PDB file of N, CA and C in Angstrom:
ATOM      1  N   MET A   1      13.718   1.818   6.405  1.00  0.00           N
ATOM      2  CA  MET A   1      13.782   2.146   4.992  1.00  0.00           C
ATOM      3  C   MET A   1      15.028   1.555   4.343  1.00  0.00           C
ATOM      4  N   SER A   2      16.130   1.527   5.096  1.00  0.00           N
ATOM      5  CA  SER A   2      17.362   0.985   4.530  1.00  0.00           C
ATOM      6  C   SER A   2      17.250  -0.519   4.307  1.00  0.00           C
ATOM      7  N   LYS A   3      16.456  -1.197   5.139  1.00  0.00           N
ATOM      8  CA  LYS A   3      16.253  -2.636   4.922  1.00  0.00           C
ATOM      9  C   LYS A   3      15.514  -2.867   3.612  1.00  0.00           C
ATOM     10  N   PHE A   4      14.565  -2.007   3.329  1.00  0.00           N
ATOM     11  CA  PHE A   4      13.822  -2.125   2.081  1.00  0.00           C
ATOM     12  C   PHE A   4      14.727  -1.898   0.883  1.00  0.00           C
ATOM     13  N   VAL A   5      15.553  -0.872   0.949  1.00  0.00           N
ATOM     14  CA  VAL A   5      16.462  -0.553  -0.155  1.00  0.00           C
ATOM     15  C   VAL A   5      17.455  -1.691  -0.370  1.00  0.00           C
ATOM     16  N   SER A   6      17.972  -2.245   0.710  1.00  0.00           N
ATOM     17  CA  SER A   6      18.935  -3.338   0.554  1.00  0.00           C
ATOM     18  C   SER A   6      18.262  -4.590  -0.006  1.00  0.00           C
ATOM     19  N   SER A   7      17.026  -4.859   0.384  1.00  0.00           N
ATOM     20  CA  SER A   7      16.343  -6.021  -0.169  1.00  0.00           C
ATOM     21  C   SER A   7      16.025  -5.820  -1.650  1.00  0.00           C
ATOM     22  N   VAL A   8      15.701  -4.593  -2.049  1.00  0.00           N
ATOM     23  CA  VAL A   8      15.463  -4.307  -3.468  1.00  0.00           C
ATOM     24  C   VAL A   8      16.757  -4.482  -4.263  1.00  0.00           C
ATOM     25  N   LYS A   9      17.879  -4.025  -3.710  1.00  0.00           N
ATOM     26  CA  LYS A   9      19.166  -4.193  -4.396  1.00  0.00           C
ATOM     27  C   LYS A   9      19.498  -5.670  -4.578  1.00  0.00           C
ATOM     28  N   ARG A  10      19.293  -6.473  -3.532  1.00  0.00           N
ATOM     29  CA  ARG A  10      19.556  -7.920  -3.640  1.00  0.00           C
ATOM     30  C   ARG A  10      18.656  -8.549  -4.683  1.00  0.00           C
ATOM     31  N   PHE A  11      17.393  -8.126  -4.732  1.00  0.00           N
ATOM     32  CA  PHE A  11      16.456  -8.683  -5.698  1.00  0.00           C
ATOM     33  C   PHE A  11      16.861  -8.344  -7.125  1.00  0.00           C
ATOM     34  N   ILE A  12      17.309  -7.114  -7.337  1.00  0.00           N
ATOM     35  CA  ILE A  12      17.721  -6.694  -8.679  1.00  0.00           C
ATOM     36  C   ILE A  12      18.977  -7.425  -9.115  1.00  0.00           C
ATOM     37  N   VAL A  13      19.900  -7.652  -8.203  1.00  0.00           N
ATOM     38  CA  VAL A  13      21.152  -8.323  -8.529  1.00  0.00           C
ATOM     39  C   VAL A  13      20.922  -9.808  -8.812  1.00  0.00           C
ATOM     40  N   SER A  14      19.967 -10.410  -8.125  1.00  0.00           N
ATOM     41  CA  SER A  14      19.739 -11.840  -8.318  1.00  0.00           C
ATOM     42  C   SER A  14      19.173 -12.105  -9.708  1.00  0.00           C
ATOM     43  N   GLU A  15      19.085 -13.359 -10.086  1.00  0.00           N
ATOM     44  CA  GLU A  15      18.607 -13.738 -11.417  1.00  0.00           C
ATOM     45  C   GLU A  15      17.096 -13.649 -11.534  1.00  0.00           C
ATOM     46  N   ASP A  16      16.422 -13.353 -10.445  1.00  0.00           N
ATOM     47  CA  ASP A  16      14.970 -13.234 -10.487  1.00  0.00           C
ATOM     48  C   ASP A  16      14.524 -11.905 -11.078  1.00  0.00           C
ATOM     49  N   GLY A  17      15.433 -10.988 -11.310  1.00  0.00           N
ATOM     50  CA  GLY A  17      15.088  -9.676 -11.850  1.00  0.00           C
ATOM     51  C   GLY A  17      14.366  -9.734 -13.175  1.00  0.00           C
ATOM     52  N   PRO A  18      14.924 -10.431 -14.193  1.00  0.00           N
ATOM     53  CA  PRO A  18      14.215 -10.502 -15.475  1.00  0.00           C
ATOM     54  C   PRO A  18      12.851 -11.170 -15.352  1.00  0.00           C
ATOM     55  N   THR A  19      12.744 -12.166 -14.478  1.00  0.00           N
ATOM     56  CA  THR A  19      11.458 -12.817 -14.277  1.00  0.00           C
ATOM     57  C   THR A  19      10.469 -11.830 -13.678  1.00  0.00           C
ATOM     58  N   ALA A  20      10.929 -11.002 -12.763  1.00  0.00           N
ATOM     59  CA  ALA A  20      10.053 -10.012 -12.150  1.00  0.00           C
ATOM     60  C   ALA A  20       9.574  -9.008 -13.196  1.00  0.00           C
ATOM     61  N   VAL A  21      10.435  -8.645 -14.126  1.00  0.00           N
ATOM     62  CA  VAL A  21      10.035  -7.717 -15.184  1.00  0.00           C
ATOM     63  C   VAL A  21       8.966  -8.360 -16.063  1.00  0.00           C
ATOM     64  N   GLU A  22       9.147  -9.627 -16.383  1.00  0.00           N
ATOM     65  CA  GLU A  22       8.145 -10.328 -17.189  1.00  0.00           C
ATOM     66  C   GLU A  22       6.813 -10.376 -16.461  1.00  0.00           C
ATOM     67  N   TYR A  23       6.841 -10.662 -15.176  1.00  0.00           N
ATOM     68  CA  TYR A  23       5.611 -10.687 -14.393  1.00  0.00           C
ATOM     69  C   TYR A  23       4.978  -9.300 -14.331  1.00  0.00           C
ATOM     70  N   ALA A  24       5.778  -8.266 -14.244  1.00  0.00           N
ATOM     71  CA  ALA A  24       5.242  -6.908 -14.202  1.00  0.00           C
ATOM     72  C   ALA A  24       4.558  -6.559 -15.525  1.00  0.00           C
ATOM     73  N   VAL A  25       5.155  -6.974 -16.636  1.00  0.00           N
ATOM     74  CA  VAL A  25       4.541  -6.720 -17.943  1.00  0.00           C
ATOM     75  C   VAL A  25       3.231  -7.484 -18.067  1.00  0.00           C
ATOM     76  N   MET A  26       3.218  -8.736 -17.642  1.00  0.00           N
ATOM     77  CA  MET A  26       1.981  -9.517 -17.684  1.00  0.00           C
ATOM     78  C   MET A  26       0.914  -8.892 -16.799  1.00  0.00           C
ATOM     79  N   LEU A  27       1.313  -8.438 -15.614  1.00  0.00           N
ATOM     80  CA  LEU A  27       0.361  -7.800 -14.716  1.00  0.00           C
ATOM     81  C   LEU A  27      -0.212  -6.540 -15.329  1.00  0.00           C
ATOM     82  N   ALA A  28       0.626  -5.757 -15.991  1.00  0.00           N
ATOM     83  CA  ALA A  28       0.157  -4.536 -16.642  1.00  0.00           C
ATOM     84  C   ALA A  28      -0.852  -4.867 -17.743  1.00  0.00           C
ATOM     85  N   LEU A  29      -0.575  -5.892 -18.525  1.00  0.00           N
ATOM     86  CA  LEU A  29      -1.507  -6.283 -19.582  1.00  0.00           C
ATOM     87  C   LEU A  29      -2.826  -6.786 -19.004  1.00  0.00           C
ATOM     88  N   ILE A  30      -2.759  -7.543 -17.929  1.00  0.00           N
ATOM     89  CA  ILE A  30      -3.976  -8.033 -17.281  1.00  0.00           C
ATOM     90  C   ILE A  30      -4.800  -6.866 -16.750  1.00  0.00           C
ATOM     91  N   ILE A  31      -4.136  -5.876 -16.173  1.00  0.00           N
ATOM     92  CA  ILE A  31      -4.845  -4.710 -15.655  1.00  0.00           C
ATOM     93  C   ILE A  31      -5.529  -3.956 -16.786  1.00  0.00           C
ATOM     94  N   VAL A  32      -4.849  -3.812 -17.917  1.00  0.00           N
ATOM     95  CA  VAL A  32      -5.450  -3.115 -19.061  1.00  0.00           C
ATOM     96  C   VAL A  32      -6.682  -3.859 -19.550  1.00  0.00           C
ATOM     97  N   VAL A  33      -6.594  -5.178 -19.648  1.00  0.00           N
ATOM     98  CA  VAL A  33      -7.739  -5.979 -20.104  1.00  0.00           C
ATOM     99  C   VAL A  33      -8.891  -5.874 -19.113  1.00  0.00           C
ATOM    100  N   CYS A  34      -8.584  -5.923 -17.820  1.00  0.00           N
ATOM    101  CA  CYS A  34      -9.633  -5.808 -16.804  1.00  0.00           C
ATOM    102  C   CYS A  34     -10.305  -4.444 -16.856  1.00  0.00           C
ATOM    103  N   LEU A  35      -9.530  -3.391 -17.033  1.00  0.00           N
ATOM    104  CA  LEU A  35     -10.119  -2.057 -17.128  1.00  0.00           C
ATOM    105  C   LEU A  35     -11.017  -1.931 -18.358  1.00  0.00           C
ATOM    106  N   ALA A  36     -10.595  -2.513 -19.458  1.00  0.00           N
ATOM    107  CA  ALA A  36     -11.418  -2.472 -20.667  1.00  0.00           C
ATOM    108  C   ALA A  36     -12.719  -3.252 -20.456  1.00  0.00           C
ATOM    109  N   ALA A  37     -12.631  -4.398 -19.792  1.00  0.00           N
ATOM    110  CA  ALA A  37     -13.828  -5.204 -19.545  1.00  0.00           C
ATOM    111  C   ALA A  37     -14.782  -4.479 -18.602  1.00  0.00           C
ATOM    112  N   VAL A  38     -14.260  -3.888 -17.555  1.00  0.00           N
ATOM    113  CA  VAL A  38     -15.109  -3.156 -16.605  1.00  0.00           C
ATOM    114  C   VAL A  38     -15.758  -1.967 -17.297  1.00  0.00           C
ATOM    115  N   SER A  39     -15.015  -1.293 -18.152  1.00  0.00           N
ATOM    116  CA  SER A  39     -15.569  -0.158 -18.888  1.00  0.00           C
ATOM    117  C   SER A  39     -16.699  -0.612 -19.804  1.00  0.00           C
ATOM    118  N   ALA A  40     -16.507  -1.714 -20.496  1.00  0.00           N
ATOM    119  CA  ALA A  40     -17.541  -2.211 -21.404  1.00  0.00           C
ATOM    120  C   ALA A  40     -18.784  -2.645 -20.635  1.00  0.00           C
ATOM    121  N   VAL A  41     -18.601  -3.343 -19.540  1.00  0.00           N
ATOM    122  CA  VAL A  41     -19.740  -3.784 -18.731  1.00  0.00           C
ATOM    123  C   VAL A  41     -20.454  -2.569 -18.141  1.00  0.00           C
ATOM    124  N   GLY A  42     -19.675  -1.592 -17.691  1.00  0.00           N
ATOM    125  CA  GLY A  42     -20.274  -0.384 -17.139  1.00  0.00           C
ATOM    126  C   GLY A  42     -21.089   0.378 -18.169  1.00  0.00           C
ATOM    127  N   SER A  43     -20.585   0.468 -19.380  1.00  0.00           N
ATOM    128  CA  SER A  43     -21.321   1.159 -20.444  1.00  0.00           C
ATOM    129  C   SER A  43     -22.618   0.429 -20.766  1.00  0.00           C
ATOM    130  N   ASN A  44     -22.544  -0.889 -20.847  1.00  0.00           N
ATOM    131  CA  ASN A  44     -23.747  -1.672 -21.141  1.00  0.00           C
ATOM    132  C   ASN A  44     -24.760  -1.560 -20.003  1.00  0.00           C
ATOM    133  N   ALA A  45     -24.304  -1.609 -18.782  1.00  0.00           N
ATOM    134  CA  ALA A  45     -25.204  -1.488 -17.639  1.00  0.00           C
ATOM    135  C   ALA A  45     -25.830  -0.101 -17.594  1.00  0.00           C
ATOM    136  N   ASN A  46     -25.057   0.916 -17.883  1.00  0.00           N
ATOM    137  CA  ASN A  46     -25.580   2.282 -17.901  1.00  0.00           C
ATOM    138  C   ASN A  46     -26.666   2.431 -18.962  1.00  0.00           C
ATOM    139  N   ALA A  47     -26.424   1.878 -20.123  1.00  0.00           N
ATOM    140  CA  ALA A  47     -27.427   1.947 -21.192  1.00  0.00           C
ATOM    141  C   ALA A  47     -28.703   1.226 -20.778  1.00  0.00           C
ATOM    142  N   LYS A  48     -28.557   0.081 -20.146  1.00  0.00           N
ATOM    143  CA  LYS A  48     -29.735  -0.683 -19.712  1.00  0.00           C
ATOM    144  C   LYS A  48     -30.508   0.078 -18.641  1.00  0.00           C
ATOM    145  N   PHE A  49     -29.817   0.666 -17.676  1.00  0.00           N
ATOM    146  CA  PHE A  49     -30.482   1.433 -16.627  1.00  0.00           C
ATOM    147  C   PHE A  49     -31.192   2.658 -17.215  1.00  0.00           C
ATOM    148  N   ASN A  50     -30.546   3.315 -18.168  1.00  0.00           N
ATOM    149  CA  ASN A  50     -31.205   4.460 -18.814  1.00  0.00           C
ATOM    150  C   ASN A  50     -32.457   4.033 -19.575  1.00  0.00           C
ATOM    151  N   LYS A  51     -32.409   2.868 -20.212  1.00  0.00           N
ATOM    152  CA  LYS A  51     -33.571   2.366 -20.934  1.00  0.00           C
ATOM    153  C   LYS A  51     -34.718   2.072 -19.966  1.00  0.00           C
ATOM    154  N   VAL A  52     -34.406   1.444 -18.850  1.00  0.00           N
ATOM    155  CA  VAL A  52     -35.426   1.139 -17.845  1.00  0.00           C
ATOM    156  C   VAL A  52     -35.982   2.434 -17.250  1.00  0.00           C
ATOM    157  N   ALA A  53     -35.108   3.391 -16.974  1.00  0.00           N
ATOM    158  CA  ALA A  53     -35.561   4.654 -16.408  1.00  0.00           C
ATOM    159  C   ALA A  53     -36.472   5.406 -17.370  1.00  0.00           C
ATOM    160  N   SER A  54     -36.157   5.364 -18.660  1.00  0.00           N
ATOM    161  CA  SER A  54     -37.012   6.055 -19.634  1.00  0.00           C
ATOM    162  C   SER A  54     -38.356   5.358 -19.762  1.00  0.00           C
ATOM    163  N   MET A  55     -38.403   4.043 -19.611  1.00  0.00           N
ATOM    164  CA  MET A  55     -39.673   3.327 -19.678  1.00  0.00           C
ATOM    165  C   MET A  55     -40.531   3.613 -18.443  1.00  0.00           C
ATOM    166  N   LEU A  56     -39.895   3.827 -17.308  1.00  0.00           N
ATOM    167  CA  LEU A  56     -40.648   4.103 -16.088  1.00  0.00           C
ATOM    168  C   LEU A  56     -41.179   5.534 -16.060  1.00  0.00           C
ATOM    169  N   SER A  57     -40.557   6.424 -16.805  1.00  0.00           N
ATOM    170  CA  SER A  57     -40.974   7.833 -16.786  1.00  0.00           C
ATOM    171  C   SER A  57     -42.217   8.094 -17.571  1.00  0.00           C
TER     172      SER A  57
END
């Protein structure tokens, strides 16, 4: 565990820290967009399945 903490400290001290923050923000935005897309596709698929199920009944 101490090796992990020391490597995190070195990473934060180095100049790569701000770049890592930028990448984290981009990753968060990508995740939000992906979740929205999956939600929209899921809603459309659910509606289509319900339509097919009602026609079969």
